[in-house]
Each structure stands twice: as C-alpha cells, then as structure tokens.
Protein backbone atom coordinates (compact mmCIF):
# COMPACT_ATOMS: atom_id res chain seq x y z
CA UNK A 1 8.61 -2.30 21.55
CA UNK A 2 8.90 -2.53 17.79
CA UNK A 3 5.96 -1.66 15.61
CA UNK A 4 4.28 -4.10 13.28
CA UNK A 5 5.51 -4.08 9.70
CA UNK A 6 3.35 -2.85 6.85
CA UNK A 7 3.21 -6.44 5.51
CA UNK A 8 1.88 -7.71 8.87
CA UNK A 9 -0.85 -5.06 8.88
CA UNK A 10 -1.78 -5.83 5.24
CA UNK A 11 -1.91 -9.54 6.10
CA UNK A 12 -4.31 -8.81 8.97
CA UNK A 13 -6.52 -6.81 6.59
CA UNK A 14 -6.49 -9.72 4.13
CA UNK A 15 -7.49 -12.21 6.87
CA UNK A 16 -10.25 -9.89 8.16
CA UNK A 17 -11.68 -9.63 4.62
CA UNK A 18 -12.07 -13.41 4.28
CA UNK A 19 -15.72 -14.54 4.33
CA UNK A 20 -16.70 -15.97 7.71
CA UNK A 21 -19.63 -17.03 9.83
CA UNK A 22 -18.66 -15.79 13.28
CA UNK A 23 -15.17 -14.52 14.00
CA UNK A 24 -13.03 -17.19 12.29
CA UNK A 25 -13.04 -17.94 8.55
CA UNK A 26 -13.12 -21.56 7.38
CA UNK A 27 -9.97 -22.97 5.81
CA UNK A 28 -11.76 -23.02 2.43
CA UNK A 29 -12.18 -19.21 2.62
CA UNK A 30 -8.42 -18.76 2.30
CA UNK A 31 -7.50 -18.87 -1.39
CA UNK A 32 -3.74 -18.79 -2.01
CA UNK A 33 -4.22 -17.24 -5.46
CA UNK A 34 -5.85 -14.23 -3.78
CA UNK A 35 -2.93 -13.86 -1.37
CA UNK A 36 -0.08 -13.85 -3.88
CA UNK A 37 1.92 -11.08 -2.17
CA UNK A 38 1.99 -13.10 1.08
CA UNK A 39 2.67 -16.61 -0.24
CA UNK A 40 6.45 -16.66 0.08
CA UNK A 41 6.08 -15.54 3.71
CA UNK A 42 3.30 -17.96 4.74
CA UNK A 43 3.35 -21.01 6.94
CA UNK A 44 0.11 -22.98 7.39
CA UNK A 45 -0.05 -25.27 10.43
CA UNK A 46 -2.52 -27.81 11.77
CA UNK A 47 -3.10 -27.11 15.46
CA UNK A 48 -3.86 -30.40 17.19
CA UNK A 49 -4.27 -29.59 20.87
CA UNK A 50 -5.94 -32.83 22.00
CA UNK A 51 -3.85 -35.50 23.71
CA UNK A 52 -0.20 -34.88 22.86
CA UNK A 53 -0.27 -31.36 21.35
CA UNK A 54 1.32 -30.79 17.95
CA UNK A 55 1.54 -27.80 15.61
CA UNK A 56 2.24 -29.51 12.30
CA UNK A 57 3.61 -27.38 9.46
CA UNK A 58 1.65 -28.11 6.25
CA UNK A 59 2.54 -25.33 3.82
CA UNK A 60 5.88 -23.54 3.94
CA UNK A 61 6.54 -20.33 2.02
CA UNK A 62 9.69 -20.09 -0.07
CA UNK A 63 11.24 -17.31 2.04
CA UNK A 64 10.85 -19.27 5.27
CA UNK A 65 12.24 -22.42 3.67
CA UNK A 66 15.21 -20.55 2.17
CA UNK A 67 16.28 -19.29 5.61
CA UNK A 68 15.87 -22.71 7.23
CA UNK A 69 17.73 -24.49 4.38
CA UNK A 70 15.49 -27.55 4.70
CA UNK A 71 11.95 -28.60 3.92
CA UNK A 72 10.19 -28.75 7.31
CA UNK A 73 6.76 -29.62 5.88
CA UNK A 74 5.09 -32.23 8.09
CA UNK A 75 7.24 -31.45 11.14
CA UNK A 76 5.95 -30.30 14.52
CA UNK A 77 6.85 -26.66 15.25
CA UNK A 78 7.04 -27.50 18.96
CA UNK A 79 10.22 -29.53 18.38
CA UNK A 80 11.95 -26.26 17.48
CA UNK A 81 11.18 -24.73 20.88
CA UNK A 82 13.13 -25.32 24.07
CA UNK A 83 11.05 -27.45 26.45
CA UNK A 84 10.50 -24.48 28.81
CA UNK A 85 8.68 -22.50 26.07
CA UNK A 86 6.41 -25.24 24.70
CA UNK A 87 3.61 -24.87 27.27
CA UNK A 88 3.45 -21.10 26.61
CA UNK A 89 3.26 -21.70 22.85
CA UNK A 90 0.47 -24.25 23.30
CA UNK A 91 -1.41 -21.87 25.61
CA UNK A 92 -1.09 -19.06 23.05
CA UNK A 93 -2.48 -21.30 20.29
CA UNK A 94 -5.39 -22.28 22.56
CA UNK A 95 -6.16 -18.56 23.04
CA UNK A 96 -5.93 -17.85 19.30
CA UNK A 97 -8.49 -20.58 18.60
CA UNK A 98 -10.80 -20.46 21.62
CA UNK A 99 -11.10 -16.71 22.22
CA UNK A 100 -10.46 -16.16 19.14
CA UNK A 101 -7.72 -13.62 18.49
CA UNK A 102 -4.62 -13.06 16.40
CA UNK A 103 -1.04 -12.89 17.60
CA UNK A 104 1.97 -10.80 16.61
CA UNK A 105 5.51 -11.27 17.86
CA UNK A 106 9.16 -10.84 17.04
CA UNK A 107 11.21 -13.93 17.89
CA UNK A 108 14.92 -14.71 17.52
CA UNK A 109 15.64 -17.91 15.59
CA UNK A 110 18.97 -19.58 16.37
CA UNK A 111 20.34 -21.60 13.44
CA UNK A 112 22.56 -24.66 13.52
CA UNK A 113 24.78 -22.73 11.09
CA UNK A 114 25.78 -20.48 13.99
CA UNK A 115 23.78 -17.24 13.75
CA UNK A 116 20.57 -15.65 14.99
CA UNK A 117 17.95 -13.82 12.94
CA UNK A 118 14.82 -12.11 14.22
CA UNK A 119 11.53 -13.05 12.57
CA UNK A 120 8.25 -11.18 12.78
CA UNK A 121 5.33 -13.59 13.10
CA UNK A 122 1.64 -12.73 12.61
CA UNK A 123 -0.87 -15.53 13.29
CA UNK A 124 -4.61 -15.90 12.64
CA UNK A 125 -6.85 -18.98 13.00
CA UNK A 126 -8.82 -20.85 10.34
CA UNK A 127 -11.74 -23.21 11.17
CA UNK A 128 -11.60 -26.83 10.09
CA UNK A 129 -13.90 -27.88 7.25
CA UNK A 130 -15.41 -30.91 8.98
CA UNK A 131 -13.85 -32.93 11.75
CA UNK A 132 -10.32 -31.69 11.16
CA UNK A 133 -8.01 -29.53 13.22
CA UNK A 134 -8.06 -25.78 13.42
CA UNK A 135 -5.29 -24.29 11.33
CA UNK A 136 -2.99 -21.36 11.91
CA UNK A 137 -2.26 -19.04 9.02
CA UNK A 138 1.12 -17.52 9.83
CA UNK A 139 2.95 -14.68 8.11
CA UNK A 140 6.70 -14.75 8.70
CA UNK A 141 9.01 -11.91 7.83
CA UNK A 142 12.73 -12.02 8.54
CA UNK A 143 14.13 -8.77 9.90
CA UNK A 144 17.57 -7.42 9.06
CA UNK A 145 20.72 -9.47 8.69
CA UNK A 146 22.20 -12.13 10.92
CA UNK A 147 22.63 -10.77 14.44
CA UNK A 148 25.31 -12.74 16.24
CA UNK A 149 26.99 -16.08 16.44
CA UNK A 150 25.05 -18.62 18.49
CA UNK A 151 24.28 -22.33 18.40
CA UNK A 152 20.93 -24.07 17.98
CA UNK A 153 22.29 -26.92 20.11
CA UNK A 154 22.29 -29.69 17.50
CA UNK A 155 18.99 -28.59 15.97
CA UNK A 156 18.26 -27.17 12.57
CA UNK A 157 16.72 -24.09 14.16
CA UNK A 158 15.72 -23.17 17.71
CA UNK A 159 13.07 -20.52 18.41
CA UNK A 160 13.76 -18.33 21.43
CA UNK A 161 11.30 -16.42 23.60
CA UNK A 162 9.59 -13.47 21.92
CA UNK A 163 11.24 -10.05 22.11
CA UNK A 164 7.89 -8.34 21.43
CA UNK A 165 4.49 -9.96 21.75
CA UNK A 166 0.86 -8.90 21.54
CA UNK A 167 -2.48 -10.49 20.86
CA UNK A 168 -4.65 -8.93 18.13
CA UNK A 169 -8.34 -8.35 18.85
CA UNK A 170 -10.57 -9.82 16.12
CA UNK A 171 -13.82 -9.07 17.95
CA UNK A 172 -13.65 -11.20 21.13
CA UNK A 173 -11.06 -9.18 23.06
CA UNK A 174 -7.55 -10.32 23.91
CA UNK A 175 -6.09 -12.31 26.78
CA UNK A 176 -4.45 -10.38 29.59
CA UNK A 177 -0.73 -11.00 29.57
CA UNK A 178 0.94 -11.85 32.85
CA UNK A 179 4.25 -10.05 33.21
CA UNK A 180 7.23 -12.13 34.26
CA UNK A 181 8.52 -10.97 37.60
C-alpha cells in the first residue's frame, strides 16, 4: 500500500479546520481564497443520490483539466466509470455523506490518447446550504509519468478500480471494507 501524499494530509487538515456544526462543514464554510495551494488540484461535485444517482462535477482545478484535455464541468463522474464499478462508487459516496467519513484512494485513469496515469484522490463531504445536494470536495494529485499504453474504449477518460483505498475517520468511524475473494 502506498502512503498518502503530504498534500493529501494537508488537505485533510484544511477540511478539518473548516467551521462546522456536527461533523460536516457547510458548503459556505469552504472559501476558495483560503485554500489557494489546493485550488489547481480540486474538483467539487454535487452528489445527487436520489432517483438516478449522479456525481456532477461543478468546479474543476486547472491541473485536473490539463490532464483531461477537456472541460468536464457539468458532466457526471459516473459516466467515466465502467458499469461494474458504478455501484461501488455510489455506495462509497453514500458512506462519505451518511456516516460521515473521508476517502483516500489511488486510481489509474485510462486516457483516450492511449496511456494510463495514476491519480491520488482525497474526498471529504460538504453539507448543502438549504435544500440542495451534498457536495464532495475532492483533491486530485497525479502521480508520476504516463505508465503504459492502454485505451479508454472510445471515452475521454476511464477510471479503473482503486489500487489503494481507505476511508478516513472524521469522528463517526469508518465502514468495514469487504475483501474481494
């Protein structure tokens, strides 16, 4: 298992320092100007888990966008997952919001341009202001250079299953992970 990067740990400290009532800060507590060192790495998503689930990308940091080579603002993250991984992603988001907890993982991203790059992802929830969706504040950090030639199967990018994965306790414990057999 890889260890978390220094930036991931600093991001967690920043999230924990946000003012909150309970375990999750409100969206208004996150001030981009106070998170300048993270901005190019951030993705902010609306997590709509009612009806047909969607994880809509609202804010995309410049580093993430430069690797994707396209503006994906407004798109559903789930479309970038193979069908067999979508339920697991939705279940993880439900845990992040309902428990609540954070999440850290390293995931390979397969690009339509024919290569793979690992990305470290650190996720924490934000409460809606009034009547909106919970949001996910996500730090992305690309690791190393391109790894190997591979195809995203006619997609801009395709996220693979996580190489490393752990929930982060924010005061309510963490889910028990079932090991694949």
